[in-house]
Amino acid sequence: MVVVVHGQQYEVVENFRNGWQAEAFRERYVDILMRYDYIVGDWGYGQLRLRGFYENNRPKVNFDQKIASLHEYLQEYCNFGCPYFVLKKITPERVKNREGKNKKRGEEV
């Protein structure tokens, strides 16, 4: 599924235990998250928490800020087994490729 936030497209690449809830995401989203390649949302005590991660190949970025550290983040900072989702930013090149494959248009959140 593709979602659009402030003009930027994201693909839902993981939706663990139905963690993705468009309305809750829209309410919690802040513009600073646009700088990241991935946005992870996790649920704890009825609250959605959002955190950004970068692609693994980004130079000068600490490991704990790269998406490769997602598993460690979930284990150390999230409630055990909590619902969560991962959104991946779609770059203009990927949008062109997706359109060529007749993918569904994005859902605006």
N, C-alpha and C. Protein backbone atom coordinates (compact mmCIF):
# COMPACT_ATOMS: atom_id res chain seq x y z
N MET A 1 0.84 -1.17 0.00
CA MET A 1 0.00 0.00 0.00
C MET A 1 0.90 1.24 0.00
N VAL A 2 0.49 2.24 -0.77
CA VAL A 2 1.21 3.50 -0.85
C VAL A 2 0.37 4.58 -0.18
N VAL A 3 1.04 5.41 0.64
CA VAL A 3 0.37 6.52 1.30
C VAL A 3 1.11 7.81 0.95
N VAL A 4 0.39 8.92 0.97
CA VAL A 4 0.98 10.22 0.65
C VAL A 4 0.83 11.11 1.88
N VAL A 5 1.96 11.70 2.32
CA VAL A 5 1.97 12.58 3.48
C VAL A 5 2.68 13.86 3.07
N HIS A 6 1.98 14.97 3.12
CA HIS A 6 2.55 16.27 2.76
C HIS A 6 3.24 16.20 1.40
N GLY A 7 2.64 15.50 0.45
CA GLY A 7 3.18 15.40 -0.90
C GLY A 7 4.23 14.33 -1.09
N GLN A 8 4.73 13.74 -0.03
CA GLN A 8 5.75 12.69 -0.12
C GLN A 8 5.06 11.32 -0.08
N GLN A 9 5.46 10.44 -0.99
CA GLN A 9 4.89 9.09 -1.02
C GLN A 9 5.73 8.13 -0.19
N TYR A 10 5.03 7.25 0.51
CA TYR A 10 5.64 6.19 1.30
C TYR A 10 4.94 4.89 0.99
N GLU A 11 5.68 3.81 1.09
CA GLU A 11 5.11 2.48 0.93
C GLU A 11 5.11 1.79 2.29
N VAL A 12 4.01 1.16 2.64
CA VAL A 12 3.95 0.38 3.88
C VAL A 12 4.64 -0.94 3.58
N VAL A 13 5.86 -1.12 4.11
CA VAL A 13 6.64 -2.33 3.82
C VAL A 13 6.49 -3.39 4.90
N GLU A 14 6.00 -2.99 6.06
CA GLU A 14 5.74 -3.95 7.13
C GLU A 14 4.59 -3.42 7.98
N ASN A 15 3.68 -4.34 8.33
CA ASN A 15 2.51 -3.98 9.14
C ASN A 15 2.30 -5.10 10.15
N PHE A 16 3.09 -5.09 11.21
CA PHE A 16 3.08 -6.16 12.20
C PHE A 16 1.90 -5.99 13.15
N ARG A 17 1.10 -7.02 13.26
CA ARG A 17 -0.08 -7.02 14.13
C ARG A 17 -1.01 -5.84 13.87
N ASN A 18 -1.17 -5.51 12.61
CA ASN A 18 -2.06 -4.41 12.19
C ASN A 18 -1.73 -3.09 12.88
N GLY A 19 -0.44 -2.79 12.98
CA GLY A 19 -0.01 -1.55 13.61
C GLY A 19 -0.33 -0.31 12.80
N TRP A 20 -0.48 -0.46 11.46
CA TRP A 20 -0.75 0.69 10.61
C TRP A 20 -2.19 1.17 10.81
N GLN A 21 -2.32 2.43 11.23
CA GLN A 21 -3.61 3.09 11.36
C GLN A 21 -3.43 4.50 10.81
N ALA A 22 -4.00 4.73 9.64
CA ALA A 22 -3.78 5.98 8.91
C ALA A 22 -4.17 7.21 9.72
N GLU A 23 -5.30 7.18 10.39
CA GLU A 23 -5.76 8.35 11.14
C GLU A 23 -4.81 8.68 12.29
N ALA A 24 -4.37 7.68 13.02
CA ALA A 24 -3.43 7.92 14.13
C ALA A 24 -2.11 8.44 13.61
N PHE A 25 -1.66 7.91 12.47
CA PHE A 25 -0.41 8.38 11.88
C PHE A 25 -0.52 9.85 11.49
N ARG A 26 -1.63 10.21 10.84
CA ARG A 26 -1.83 11.59 10.43
C ARG A 26 -1.78 12.54 11.62
N GLU A 27 -2.36 12.14 12.73
CA GLU A 27 -2.38 12.99 13.92
C GLU A 27 -1.00 13.14 14.56
N ARG A 28 -0.16 12.13 14.47
CA ARG A 28 1.15 12.16 15.13
C ARG A 28 2.29 12.65 14.24
N TYR A 29 2.08 12.66 12.93
CA TYR A 29 3.14 13.00 11.99
C TYR A 29 3.61 14.45 12.16
N VAL A 30 4.92 14.64 12.10
CA VAL A 30 5.52 15.98 12.11
C VAL A 30 6.49 16.07 10.92
N ASP A 31 6.64 17.28 10.38
CA ASP A 31 7.43 17.48 9.15
C ASP A 31 8.88 17.03 9.26
N ILE A 32 9.46 17.03 10.42
CA ILE A 32 10.87 16.64 10.56
C ILE A 32 11.10 15.20 10.10
N LEU A 33 10.06 14.38 10.10
CA LEU A 33 10.19 12.99 9.67
C LEU A 33 10.44 12.86 8.17
N MET A 34 10.22 13.92 7.40
CA MET A 34 10.45 13.86 5.95
C MET A 34 11.92 13.64 5.59
N ARG A 35 12.81 13.96 6.49
CA ARG A 35 14.23 13.80 6.19
C ARG A 35 14.68 12.34 6.18
N TYR A 36 13.89 11.45 6.76
CA TYR A 36 14.28 10.05 6.89
C TYR A 36 13.81 9.22 5.71
N ASP A 37 14.52 8.12 5.46
CA ASP A 37 14.15 7.18 4.40
C ASP A 37 13.05 6.23 4.84
N TYR A 38 12.95 6.00 6.15
CA TYR A 38 11.94 5.11 6.72
C TYR A 38 11.31 5.80 7.93
N ILE A 39 10.03 5.52 8.15
CA ILE A 39 9.36 5.95 9.38
C ILE A 39 8.80 4.69 10.02
N VAL A 40 9.13 4.50 11.28
CA VAL A 40 8.64 3.36 12.04
C VAL A 40 7.67 3.88 13.09
N GLY A 41 6.52 3.26 13.16
CA GLY A 41 5.53 3.60 14.17
C GLY A 41 5.28 2.39 15.05
N ASP A 42 5.37 2.57 16.36
CA ASP A 42 5.09 1.47 17.28
C ASP A 42 4.09 1.92 18.32
N TRP A 43 3.31 0.95 18.81
CA TRP A 43 2.24 1.21 19.75
C TRP A 43 2.60 0.70 21.13
N GLY A 44 2.41 1.55 22.13
CA GLY A 44 2.60 1.16 23.51
C GLY A 44 1.63 1.93 24.39
N TYR A 45 0.89 1.21 25.20
CA TYR A 45 -0.08 1.83 26.12
C TYR A 45 -1.06 2.73 25.38
N GLY A 46 -1.48 2.29 24.18
CA GLY A 46 -2.47 3.03 23.41
C GLY A 46 -1.94 4.26 22.70
N GLN A 47 -0.64 4.48 22.74
CA GLN A 47 -0.03 5.66 22.11
C GLN A 47 0.85 5.23 20.93
N LEU A 48 0.76 5.97 19.84
CA LEU A 48 1.62 5.73 18.69
C LEU A 48 2.87 6.59 18.81
N ARG A 49 4.01 5.95 18.63
CA ARG A 49 5.30 6.66 18.67
C ARG A 49 5.94 6.50 17.30
N LEU A 50 6.48 7.58 16.75
CA LEU A 50 7.10 7.56 15.43
C LEU A 50 8.59 7.84 15.55
N ARG A 51 9.38 7.13 14.73
CA ARG A 51 10.82 7.33 14.72
C ARG A 51 11.32 7.15 13.30
N GLY A 52 12.29 7.95 12.90
CA GLY A 52 12.85 7.88 11.56
C GLY A 52 14.14 7.09 11.52
N PHE A 53 14.38 6.44 10.39
CA PHE A 53 15.61 5.69 10.12
C PHE A 53 16.08 6.03 8.71
N TYR A 54 17.39 5.87 8.48
CA TYR A 54 17.98 6.10 7.17
C TYR A 54 18.30 4.78 6.48
N GLU A 55 18.52 4.84 5.15
CA GLU A 55 18.99 3.68 4.39
C GLU A 55 20.33 3.23 4.97
N ASN A 56 20.65 1.96 4.81
CA ASN A 56 21.89 1.41 5.35
C ASN A 56 23.13 1.95 4.66
N ASN A 57 23.01 2.38 3.42
CA ASN A 57 24.18 2.84 2.67
C ASN A 57 24.48 4.32 2.87
N ARG A 58 23.79 4.99 3.76
CA ARG A 58 24.05 6.42 4.00
C ARG A 58 25.37 6.58 4.75
N PRO A 59 26.28 7.38 4.19
CA PRO A 59 27.55 7.63 4.90
C PRO A 59 27.34 8.58 6.07
N LYS A 60 28.21 8.51 7.03
CA LYS A 60 28.24 9.41 8.18
C LYS A 60 26.96 9.34 9.04
N VAL A 61 26.29 8.21 9.02
CA VAL A 61 25.10 8.01 9.84
C VAL A 61 25.40 6.88 10.82
N ASN A 62 25.14 7.11 12.09
CA ASN A 62 25.37 6.07 13.10
C ASN A 62 24.52 4.86 12.82
N PHE A 63 25.02 3.68 13.21
CA PHE A 63 24.29 2.44 12.96
C PHE A 63 22.89 2.46 13.55
N ASP A 64 22.74 3.05 14.74
CA ASP A 64 21.42 3.04 15.38
C ASP A 64 20.41 3.95 14.67
N GLN A 65 20.86 4.70 13.68
CA GLN A 65 19.95 5.53 12.88
C GLN A 65 19.65 4.89 11.52
N LYS A 66 20.25 3.73 11.25
CA LYS A 66 20.02 3.02 9.99
C LYS A 66 18.95 1.95 10.18
N ILE A 67 18.25 1.66 9.09
CA ILE A 67 17.16 0.69 9.16
C ILE A 67 17.65 -0.70 9.56
N ALA A 68 18.91 -0.99 9.38
CA ALA A 68 19.46 -2.28 9.81
C ALA A 68 19.36 -2.46 11.32
N SER A 69 19.22 -1.38 12.05
CA SER A 69 19.11 -1.47 13.52
C SER A 69 17.67 -1.58 13.99
N LEU A 70 16.72 -1.75 13.07
CA LEU A 70 15.31 -1.81 13.45
C LEU A 70 15.03 -2.90 14.47
N HIS A 71 15.57 -4.09 14.27
CA HIS A 71 15.32 -5.20 15.20
C HIS A 71 15.77 -4.84 16.61
N GLU A 72 16.95 -4.25 16.73
CA GLU A 72 17.47 -3.84 18.04
C GLU A 72 16.58 -2.77 18.66
N TYR A 73 16.13 -1.81 17.85
CA TYR A 73 15.24 -0.76 18.35
C TYR A 73 13.96 -1.37 18.91
N LEU A 74 13.36 -2.28 18.16
CA LEU A 74 12.12 -2.91 18.61
C LEU A 74 12.32 -3.69 19.91
N GLN A 75 13.45 -4.37 20.03
CA GLN A 75 13.72 -5.14 21.25
C GLN A 75 14.03 -4.26 22.45
N GLU A 76 14.76 -3.18 22.25
CA GLU A 76 15.22 -2.37 23.37
C GLU A 76 14.26 -1.26 23.79
N TYR A 77 13.53 -0.70 22.84
CA TYR A 77 12.75 0.50 23.15
C TYR A 77 11.24 0.33 23.03
N CYS A 78 10.78 -0.82 22.57
CA CYS A 78 9.35 -1.03 22.37
C CYS A 78 8.84 -2.13 23.29
N ASN A 79 7.54 -2.08 23.56
CA ASN A 79 6.93 -3.14 24.35
C ASN A 79 7.02 -4.45 23.58
N PHE A 80 7.28 -5.54 24.28
CA PHE A 80 7.44 -6.85 23.66
C PHE A 80 6.20 -7.21 22.85
N GLY A 81 6.39 -7.52 21.57
CA GLY A 81 5.30 -7.94 20.72
C GLY A 81 4.34 -6.86 20.32
N CYS A 82 4.70 -5.60 20.51
CA CYS A 82 3.77 -4.51 20.21
C CYS A 82 3.51 -4.41 18.70
N PRO A 83 2.33 -3.93 18.33
CA PRO A 83 2.07 -3.68 16.92
C PRO A 83 2.96 -2.55 16.42
N TYR A 84 3.43 -2.68 15.19
CA TYR A 84 4.23 -1.61 14.60
C TYR A 84 4.11 -1.67 13.08
N PHE A 85 4.58 -0.60 12.44
CA PHE A 85 4.61 -0.56 10.98
C PHE A 85 5.88 0.14 10.53
N VAL A 86 6.26 -0.13 9.28
CA VAL A 86 7.43 0.49 8.68
C VAL A 86 6.99 1.08 7.34
N LEU A 87 7.24 2.38 7.18
CA LEU A 87 6.99 3.07 5.91
C LEU A 87 8.33 3.37 5.25
N LYS A 88 8.42 3.13 3.94
CA LYS A 88 9.63 3.46 3.20
C LYS A 88 9.32 4.59 2.23
N LYS A 89 10.16 5.62 2.24
CA LYS A 89 10.00 6.76 1.34
C LYS A 89 10.19 6.28 -0.09
N ILE A 90 9.29 6.72 -0.95
CA ILE A 90 9.40 6.39 -2.37
C ILE A 90 10.00 7.58 -3.08
N THR A 91 11.13 7.36 -3.73
CA THR A 91 11.81 8.43 -4.46
C THR A 91 11.14 8.59 -5.82
N PRO A 92 11.35 9.72 -6.49
CA PRO A 92 10.73 9.93 -7.81
C PRO A 92 11.06 8.81 -8.80
N GLU A 93 12.26 8.24 -8.76
CA GLU A 93 12.62 7.15 -9.67
C GLU A 93 11.76 5.92 -9.40
N ARG A 94 11.53 5.62 -8.13
CA ARG A 94 10.70 4.47 -7.78
C ARG A 94 9.25 4.70 -8.15
N VAL A 95 8.78 5.95 -8.08
CA VAL A 95 7.40 6.25 -8.46
C VAL A 95 7.21 5.94 -9.94
N LYS A 96 8.16 6.35 -10.78
CA LYS A 96 8.06 6.07 -12.21
C LYS A 96 8.01 4.57 -12.47
N ASN A 97 8.84 3.80 -11.77
CA ASN A 97 8.86 2.35 -11.94
C ASN A 97 7.54 1.74 -11.50
N ARG A 98 6.98 2.23 -10.41
CA ARG A 98 5.72 1.69 -9.89
C ARG A 98 4.58 1.99 -10.85
N GLU A 99 4.57 3.21 -11.43
CA GLU A 99 3.51 3.58 -12.36
C GLU A 99 3.56 2.70 -13.60
N GLY A 100 4.75 2.33 -14.01
CA GLY A 100 4.89 1.46 -15.17
C GLY A 100 4.34 0.07 -14.92
N LYS A 101 4.22 -0.31 -13.67
CA LYS A 101 3.69 -1.63 -13.31
C LYS A 101 2.22 -1.57 -12.95
N ASN A 102 1.57 -0.40 -13.18
CA ASN A 102 0.14 -0.22 -12.90
C ASN A 102 -0.22 -0.45 -11.44
N LYS A 103 0.60 0.06 -10.55
CA LYS A 103 0.28 -0.04 -9.11
C LYS A 103 -0.83 0.93 -8.77
N LYS A 104 -1.53 0.66 -7.67
CA LYS A 104 -2.59 1.56 -7.21
C LYS A 104 -2.02 2.91 -6.83
N ARG A 105 -2.82 3.94 -6.99
CA ARG A 105 -2.41 5.28 -6.58
C ARG A 105 -2.40 5.34 -5.07
N GLY A 106 -1.63 6.27 -4.54
CA GLY A 106 -1.47 6.38 -3.09
C GLY A 106 -2.70 6.88 -2.37
N GLU A 107 -2.80 6.52 -1.12
CA GLU A 107 -3.85 6.98 -0.23
C GLU A 107 -3.33 8.19 0.52
N GLU A 108 -4.00 9.30 0.44
CA GLU A 108 -3.58 10.52 1.15
C GLU A 108 -3.98 10.38 2.60
N VAL A 109 -3.00 10.57 3.50
CA VAL A 109 -3.29 10.54 4.95
C VAL A 109 -3.02 11.87 5.56
